[in-house]
Amino acid sequence: DWDAIARHSPDVQMLLLEQVKHRVQEISGIHPVYDNMCLDSCIAFTGLFAHLTQCPTCGKNCYLEDEKGK
């Protein structure tokens, strides 16, 4: 519980989640990679599949379209 920690150790500065993520990346050298994925997680639209607009496994579109066609 945040309040219990703050009462027990008032001099300890608690980090925000984004600060923790940044520090973990700095220490570990591991950074997230964001790629478009099939809605059913069949493939990632990267590398050989980067040019595709539909999943070759299930046929779903790479991008969702709203009612305006965007």
PDB file of N, CA and C in Angstrom:
ATOM      1  N   ASP A   1       0.844  -1.174   0.000  1.00  0.00           N
ATOM      2  CA  ASP A   1       0.000   0.000   0.000  1.00  0.00           C
ATOM      3  C   ASP A   1       0.890   1.238   0.000  1.00  0.00           C
ATOM      4  N   TRP A   2       0.620   2.144  -0.913  1.00  0.00           N
ATOM      5  CA  TRP A   2       1.404   3.366  -1.091  1.00  0.00           C
ATOM      6  C   TRP A   2       1.474   4.182   0.195  1.00  0.00           C
ATOM      7  N   ASP A   3       0.355   4.389   0.845  1.00  0.00           N
ATOM      8  CA  ASP A   3       0.312   5.206   2.067  1.00  0.00           C
ATOM      9  C   ASP A   3       1.129   4.578   3.191  1.00  0.00           C
ATOM     10  N   ALA A   4       1.069   3.269   3.329  1.00  0.00           N
ATOM     11  CA  ALA A   4       1.823   2.584   4.375  1.00  0.00           C
ATOM     12  C   ALA A   4       3.321   2.759   4.151  1.00  0.00           C
ATOM     13  N   ILE A   5       3.764   2.666   2.911  1.00  0.00           N
ATOM     14  CA  ILE A   5       5.183   2.851   2.602  1.00  0.00           C
ATOM     15  C   ILE A   5       5.592   4.289   2.896  1.00  0.00           C
ATOM     16  N   ALA A   6       4.763   5.239   2.503  1.00  0.00           N
ATOM     17  CA  ALA A   6       5.061   6.651   2.734  1.00  0.00           C
ATOM     18  C   ALA A   6       5.145   6.964   4.233  1.00  0.00           C
ATOM     19  N   ARG A   7       4.273   6.360   5.036  1.00  0.00           N
ATOM     20  CA  ARG A   7       4.307   6.583   6.491  1.00  0.00           C
ATOM     21  C   ARG A   7       5.539   5.938   7.119  1.00  0.00           C
ATOM     22  N   HIS A   8       5.876   4.751   6.657  1.00  0.00           N
ATOM     23  CA  HIS A   8       7.001   4.013   7.224  1.00  0.00           C
ATOM     24  C   HIS A   8       8.346   4.640   6.855  1.00  0.00           C
ATOM     25  N   SER A   9       8.453   5.101   5.612  1.00  0.00           N
ATOM     26  CA  SER A   9       9.716   5.658   5.116  1.00  0.00           C
ATOM     27  C   SER A   9       9.458   6.983   4.405  1.00  0.00           C
ATOM     28  N   PRO A  10       9.203   8.045   5.170  1.00  0.00           N
ATOM     29  CA  PRO A  10       8.841   9.327   4.549  1.00  0.00           C
ATOM     30  C   PRO A  10       9.958   9.938   3.704  1.00  0.00           C
ATOM     31  N   ASP A  11      11.203   9.538   3.925  1.00  0.00           N
ATOM     32  CA  ASP A  11      12.316  10.103   3.171  1.00  0.00           C
ATOM     33  C   ASP A  11      12.556   9.394   1.837  1.00  0.00           C
ATOM     34  N   VAL A  12      11.876   8.271   1.624  1.00  0.00           N
ATOM     35  CA  VAL A  12      12.056   7.509   0.391  1.00  0.00           C
ATOM     36  C   VAL A  12      11.185   8.116  -0.696  1.00  0.00           C
ATOM     37  N   GLN A  13      11.826   8.419  -1.838  1.00  0.00           N
ATOM     38  CA  GLN A  13      11.079   8.974  -2.970  1.00  0.00           C
ATOM     39  C   GLN A  13      10.577   7.822  -3.842  1.00  0.00           C
ATOM     40  N   MET A  14       9.274   7.713  -3.995  1.00  0.00           N
ATOM     41  CA  MET A  14       8.683   6.676  -4.837  1.00  0.00           C
ATOM     42  C   MET A  14       8.696   7.157  -6.285  1.00  0.00           C
ATOM     43  N   LEU A  15       9.088   6.270  -7.180  1.00  0.00           N
ATOM     44  CA  LEU A  15       9.147   6.595  -8.598  1.00  0.00           C
ATOM     45  C   LEU A  15       7.804   6.328  -9.270  1.00  0.00           C
ATOM     46  N   LEU A  16       7.520   7.120 -10.283  1.00  0.00           N
ATOM     47  CA  LEU A  16       6.345   6.878 -11.113  1.00  0.00           C
ATOM     48  C   LEU A  16       6.635   5.685 -12.024  1.00  0.00           C
ATOM     49  N   LEU A  17       5.607   5.032 -12.519  1.00  0.00           N
ATOM     50  CA  LEU A  17       5.773   3.861 -13.377  1.00  0.00           C
ATOM     51  C   LEU A  17       6.653   4.174 -14.582  1.00  0.00           C
ATOM     52  N   GLU A  18       6.447   5.316 -15.215  1.00  0.00           N
ATOM     53  CA  GLU A  18       7.249   5.682 -16.386  1.00  0.00           C
ATOM     54  C   GLU A  18       8.717   5.843 -16.011  1.00  0.00           C
ATOM     55  N   GLN A  19       9.000   6.353 -14.819  1.00  0.00           N
ATOM     56  CA  GLN A  19      10.379   6.483 -14.360  1.00  0.00           C
ATOM     57  C   GLN A  19      11.009   5.117 -14.141  1.00  0.00           C
ATOM     58  N   VAL A  20      10.249   4.183 -13.579  1.00  0.00           N
ATOM     59  CA  VAL A  20      10.748   2.826 -13.361  1.00  0.00           C
ATOM     60  C   VAL A  20      11.045   2.162 -14.701  1.00  0.00           C
ATOM     61  N   LYS A  21      10.136   2.292 -15.669  1.00  0.00           N
ATOM     62  CA  LYS A  21      10.346   1.703 -16.992  1.00  0.00           C
ATOM     63  C   LYS A  21      11.627   2.239 -17.622  1.00  0.00           C
ATOM     64  N   HIS A  22      11.826   3.550 -17.524  1.00  0.00           N
ATOM     65  CA  HIS A  22      13.013   4.174 -18.108  1.00  0.00           C
ATOM     66  C   HIS A  22      14.285   3.649 -17.445  1.00  0.00           C
ATOM     67  N   ARG A  23      14.271   3.543 -16.136  1.00  0.00           N
ATOM     68  CA  ARG A  23      15.459   3.050 -15.424  1.00  0.00           C
ATOM     69  C   ARG A  23      15.749   1.590 -15.739  1.00  0.00           C
ATOM     70  N   VAL A  24      14.713   0.781 -15.854  1.00  0.00           N
ATOM     71  CA  VAL A  24      14.907  -0.634 -16.209  1.00  0.00           C
ATOM     72  C   VAL A  24      15.530  -0.732 -17.598  1.00  0.00           C
ATOM     73  N   GLN A  25      15.065   0.098 -18.527  1.00  0.00           N
ATOM     74  CA  GLN A  25      15.637   0.097 -19.874  1.00  0.00           C
ATOM     75  C   GLN A  25      17.103   0.510 -19.839  1.00  0.00           C
ATOM     76  N   GLU A  26      17.428   1.530 -19.055  1.00  0.00           N
ATOM     77  CA  GLU A  26      18.812   1.980 -18.950  1.00  0.00           C
ATOM     78  C   GLU A  26      19.714   0.891 -18.364  1.00  0.00           C
ATOM     79  N   ILE A  27      19.264   0.250 -17.314  1.00  0.00           N
ATOM     80  CA  ILE A  27      20.073  -0.753 -16.618  1.00  0.00           C
ATOM     81  C   ILE A  27      20.218  -2.025 -17.448  1.00  0.00           C
ATOM     82  N   SER A  28      19.114  -2.492 -18.032  1.00  0.00           N
ATOM     83  CA  SER A  28      19.125  -3.783 -18.732  1.00  0.00           C
ATOM     84  C   SER A  28      19.569  -3.681 -20.186  1.00  0.00           C
ATOM     85  N   GLY A  29      19.389  -2.494 -20.783  1.00  0.00           N
ATOM     86  CA  GLY A  29      19.686  -2.350 -22.203  1.00  0.00           C
ATOM     87  C   GLY A  29      18.590  -2.920 -23.085  1.00  0.00           C
ATOM     88  N   ILE A  30      17.492  -3.350 -22.476  1.00  0.00           N
ATOM     89  CA  ILE A  30      16.366  -3.927 -23.216  1.00  0.00           C
ATOM     90  C   ILE A  30      15.312  -2.844 -23.408  1.00  0.00           C
ATOM     91  N   HIS A  31      14.923  -2.642 -24.667  1.00  0.00           N
ATOM     92  CA  HIS A  31      13.944  -1.615 -25.002  1.00  0.00           C
ATOM     93  C   HIS A  31      12.785  -2.246 -25.766  1.00  0.00           C
ATOM     94  N   PRO A  32      11.566  -1.734 -25.569  1.00  0.00           N
ATOM     95  CA  PRO A  32      10.419  -2.312 -26.279  1.00  0.00           C
ATOM     96  C   PRO A  32      10.487  -2.047 -27.775  1.00  0.00           C
ATOM     97  N   VAL A  33       9.946  -2.995 -28.537  1.00  0.00           N
ATOM     98  CA  VAL A  33       9.840  -2.867 -29.978  1.00  0.00           C
ATOM     99  C   VAL A  33       8.355  -2.941 -30.310  1.00  0.00           C
ATOM    100  N   TYR A  34       7.867  -1.947 -31.019  1.00  0.00           N
ATOM    101  CA  TYR A  34       6.453  -1.901 -31.356  1.00  0.00           C
ATOM    102  C   TYR A  34       6.273  -2.190 -32.839  1.00  0.00           C
ATOM    103  N   ASP A  35       5.505  -3.227 -33.145  1.00  0.00           N
ATOM    104  CA  ASP A  35       5.187  -3.603 -34.520  1.00  0.00           C
ATOM    105  C   ASP A  35       3.694  -3.870 -34.618  1.00  0.00           C
ATOM    106  N   ASN A  36       3.163  -3.684 -35.807  1.00  0.00           N
ATOM    107  CA  ASN A  36       1.764  -4.024 -36.045  1.00  0.00           C
ATOM    108  C   ASN A  36       1.620  -5.535 -36.028  1.00  0.00           C
ATOM    109  N   MET A  37       0.604  -5.999 -35.319  1.00  0.00           N
ATOM    110  CA  MET A  37       0.350  -7.434 -35.202  1.00  0.00           C
ATOM    111  C   MET A  37      -1.010  -7.755 -35.807  1.00  0.00           C
ATOM    112  N   CYS A  38      -1.155  -8.977 -36.269  1.00  0.00           N
ATOM    113  CA  CYS A  38      -2.458  -9.474 -36.696  1.00  0.00           C
ATOM    114  C   CYS A  38      -3.391  -9.419 -35.480  1.00  0.00           C
ATOM    115  N   LEU A  39      -4.654  -9.116 -35.703  1.00  0.00           N
ATOM    116  CA  LEU A  39      -5.621  -9.044 -34.607  1.00  0.00           C
ATOM    117  C   LEU A  39      -5.723 -10.365 -33.852  1.00  0.00           C
ATOM    118  N   ASP A  40      -5.450 -11.479 -34.534  1.00  0.00           N
ATOM    119  CA  ASP A  40      -5.484 -12.796 -33.902  1.00  0.00           C
ATOM    120  C   ASP A  40      -4.086 -13.281 -33.496  1.00  0.00           C
ATOM    121  N   SER A  41      -3.100 -12.385 -33.583  1.00  0.00           N
ATOM    122  CA  SER A  41      -1.703 -12.681 -33.218  1.00  0.00           C
ATOM    123  C   SER A  41      -1.073 -13.760 -34.087  1.00  0.00           C
ATOM    124  N   CYS A  42      -1.538 -13.896 -35.323  1.00  0.00           N
ATOM    125  CA  CYS A  42      -0.952 -14.896 -36.225  1.00  0.00           C
ATOM    126  C   CYS A  42       0.478 -14.511 -36.617  1.00  0.00           C
ATOM    127  N   ILE A  43       0.665 -13.237 -36.995  1.00  0.00           N
ATOM    128  CA  ILE A  43       1.974 -12.764 -37.452  1.00  0.00           C
ATOM    129  C   ILE A  43       2.184 -11.331 -36.990  1.00  0.00           C
ATOM    130  N   ALA A  44       3.424 -10.881 -37.126  1.00  0.00           N
ATOM    131  CA  ALA A  44       3.754  -9.462 -36.969  1.00  0.00           C
ATOM    132  C   ALA A  44       3.971  -8.921 -38.373  1.00  0.00           C
ATOM    133  N   PHE A  45       3.401  -7.773 -38.670  1.00  0.00           N
ATOM    134  CA  PHE A  45       3.561  -7.174 -39.997  1.00  0.00           C
ATOM    135  C   PHE A  45       4.903  -6.443 -40.048  1.00  0.00           C
ATOM    136  N   THR A  46       5.973  -7.232 -40.077  1.00  0.00           N
ATOM    137  CA  THR A  46       7.337  -6.712 -40.105  1.00  0.00           C
ATOM    138  C   THR A  46       8.178  -7.638 -40.975  1.00  0.00           C
ATOM    139  N   GLY A  47       9.355  -7.200 -41.339  1.00  0.00           N
ATOM    140  CA  GLY A  47      10.229  -8.029 -42.177  1.00  0.00           C
ATOM    141  C   GLY A  47       9.560  -8.412 -43.481  1.00  0.00           C
ATOM    142  N   LEU A  48       9.476  -9.705 -43.755  1.00  0.00           N
ATOM    143  CA  LEU A  48       8.866 -10.177 -44.997  1.00  0.00           C
ATOM    144  C   LEU A  48       7.387  -9.833 -45.103  1.00  0.00           C
ATOM    145  N   PHE A  49       6.741  -9.590 -43.961  1.00  0.00           N
ATOM    146  CA  PHE A  49       5.302  -9.311 -43.947  1.00  0.00           C
ATOM    147  C   PHE A  49       4.985  -7.821 -43.869  1.00  0.00           C
ATOM    148  N   ALA A  50       5.995  -6.960 -43.862  1.00  0.00           N
ATOM    149  CA  ALA A  50       5.785  -5.518 -43.670  1.00  0.00           C
ATOM    150  C   ALA A  50       4.918  -4.895 -44.760  1.00  0.00           C
ATOM    151  N   HIS A  51       4.960  -5.426 -45.955  1.00  0.00           N
ATOM    152  CA  HIS A  51       4.216  -4.850 -47.081  1.00  0.00           C
ATOM    153  C   HIS A  51       2.761  -5.334 -47.141  1.00  0.00           C
ATOM    154  N   LEU A  52       2.419  -6.343 -46.374  1.00  0.00           N
ATOM    155  CA  LEU A  52       1.075  -6.932 -46.448  1.00  0.00           C
ATOM    156  C   LEU A  52       0.026  -6.028 -45.816  1.00  0.00           C
ATOM    157  N   THR A  53      -1.178  -6.103 -46.340  1.00  0.00           N
ATOM    158  CA  THR A  53      -2.307  -5.372 -45.763  1.00  0.00           C
ATOM    159  C   THR A  53      -3.305  -6.320 -45.101  1.00  0.00           C
ATOM    160  N   GLN A  54      -3.120  -7.632 -45.346  1.00  0.00           N
ATOM    161  CA  GLN A  54      -3.952  -8.653 -44.717  1.00  0.00           C
ATOM    162  C   GLN A  54      -3.068  -9.785 -44.200  1.00  0.00           C
ATOM    163  N   CYS A  55      -3.513 -10.437 -43.153  1.00  0.00           N
ATOM    164  CA  CYS A  55      -2.788 -11.573 -42.589  1.00  0.00           C
ATOM    165  C   CYS A  55      -2.878 -12.754 -43.553  1.00  0.00           C
ATOM    166  N   PRO A  56      -1.750 -13.372 -43.908  1.00  0.00           N
ATOM    167  CA  PRO A  56      -1.795 -14.514 -44.819  1.00  0.00           C
ATOM    168  C   PRO A  56      -2.376 -15.772 -44.163  1.00  0.00           C
ATOM    169  N   THR A  57      -2.467 -15.785 -42.842  1.00  0.00           N
ATOM    170  CA  THR A  57      -2.983 -16.952 -42.142  1.00  0.00           C
ATOM    171  C   THR A  57      -4.495 -16.900 -41.978  1.00  0.00           C
ATOM    172  N   CYS A  58      -5.007 -15.770 -41.450  1.00  0.00           N
ATOM    173  CA  CYS A  58      -6.449 -15.694 -41.171  1.00  0.00           C
ATOM    174  C   CYS A  58      -7.203 -14.735 -42.100  1.00  0.00           C
ATOM    175  N   GLY A  59      -6.476 -13.906 -42.859  1.00  0.00           N
ATOM    176  CA  GLY A  59      -7.112 -13.015 -43.823  1.00  0.00           C
ATOM    177  C   GLY A  59      -7.613 -11.696 -43.255  1.00  0.00           C
ATOM    178  N   LYS A  60      -7.415 -11.460 -41.949  1.00  0.00           N
ATOM    179  CA  LYS A  60      -7.879 -10.196 -41.372  1.00  0.00           C
ATOM    180  C   LYS A  60      -6.984  -9.049 -41.821  1.00  0.00           C
ATOM    181  N   ASN A  61      -7.605  -7.848 -41.928  1.00  0.00           N
ATOM    182  CA  ASN A  61      -6.864  -6.665 -42.343  1.00  0.00           C
ATOM    183  C   ASN A  61      -5.810  -6.287 -41.304  1.00  0.00           C
ATOM    184  N   CYS A  62      -4.726  -5.700 -41.801  1.00  0.00           N
ATOM    185  CA  CYS A  62      -3.655  -5.239 -40.928  1.00  0.00           C
ATOM    186  C   CYS A  62      -4.142  -4.087 -40.059  1.00  0.00           C
ATOM    187  N   TYR A  63      -4.944  -3.209 -40.625  1.00  0.00           N
ATOM    188  CA  TYR A  63      -5.440  -2.040 -39.905  1.00  0.00           C
ATOM    189  C   TYR A  63      -6.952  -2.116 -39.757  1.00  0.00           C
ATOM    190  N   LEU A  64      -7.438  -1.654 -38.618  1.00  0.00           N
ATOM    191  CA  LEU A  64      -8.881  -1.565 -38.407  1.00  0.00           C
ATOM    192  C   LEU A  64      -9.421  -0.361 -39.143  1.00  0.00           C
ATOM    193  N   GLU A  65     -10.582  -0.502 -39.728  1.00  0.00           N
ATOM    194  CA  GLU A  65     -11.237   0.630 -40.373  1.00  0.00           C
ATOM    195  C   GLU A  65     -12.466   0.997 -39.572  1.00  0.00           C
ATOM    196  N   ASP A  66     -12.650   2.309 -39.361  1.00  0.00           N
ATOM    197  CA  ASP A  66     -13.864   2.749 -38.680  1.00  0.00           C
ATOM    198  C   ASP A  66     -14.986   2.917 -39.704  1.00  0.00           C
ATOM    199  N   GLU A  67     -16.118   3.372 -39.237  1.00  0.00           N
ATOM    200  CA  GLU A  67     -17.273   3.498 -40.133  1.00  0.00           C
ATOM    201  C   GLU A  67     -17.051   4.520 -41.238  1.00  0.00           C
ATOM    202  N   LYS A  68     -16.021   5.380 -41.121  1.00  0.00           N
ATOM    203  CA  LYS A  68     -15.711   6.373 -42.142  1.00  0.00           C
ATOM    204  C   LYS A  68     -14.691   5.847 -43.145  1.00  0.00           C
ATOM    205  N   GLY A  69     -14.253   4.587 -42.972  1.00  0.00           N
ATOM    206  CA  GLY A  69     -13.297   3.996 -43.895  1.00  0.00           C
ATOM    207  C   GLY A  69     -11.861   4.397 -43.623  1.00  0.00           C
ATOM    208  N   LYS A  70     -11.586   4.867 -42.406  1.00  0.00           N
ATOM    209  CA  LYS A  70     -10.219   5.297 -42.057  1.00  0.00           C
ATOM    210  C   LYS A  70      -9.560   4.285 -41.161  1.00  0.00           C
TER     211      LYS A  70
END
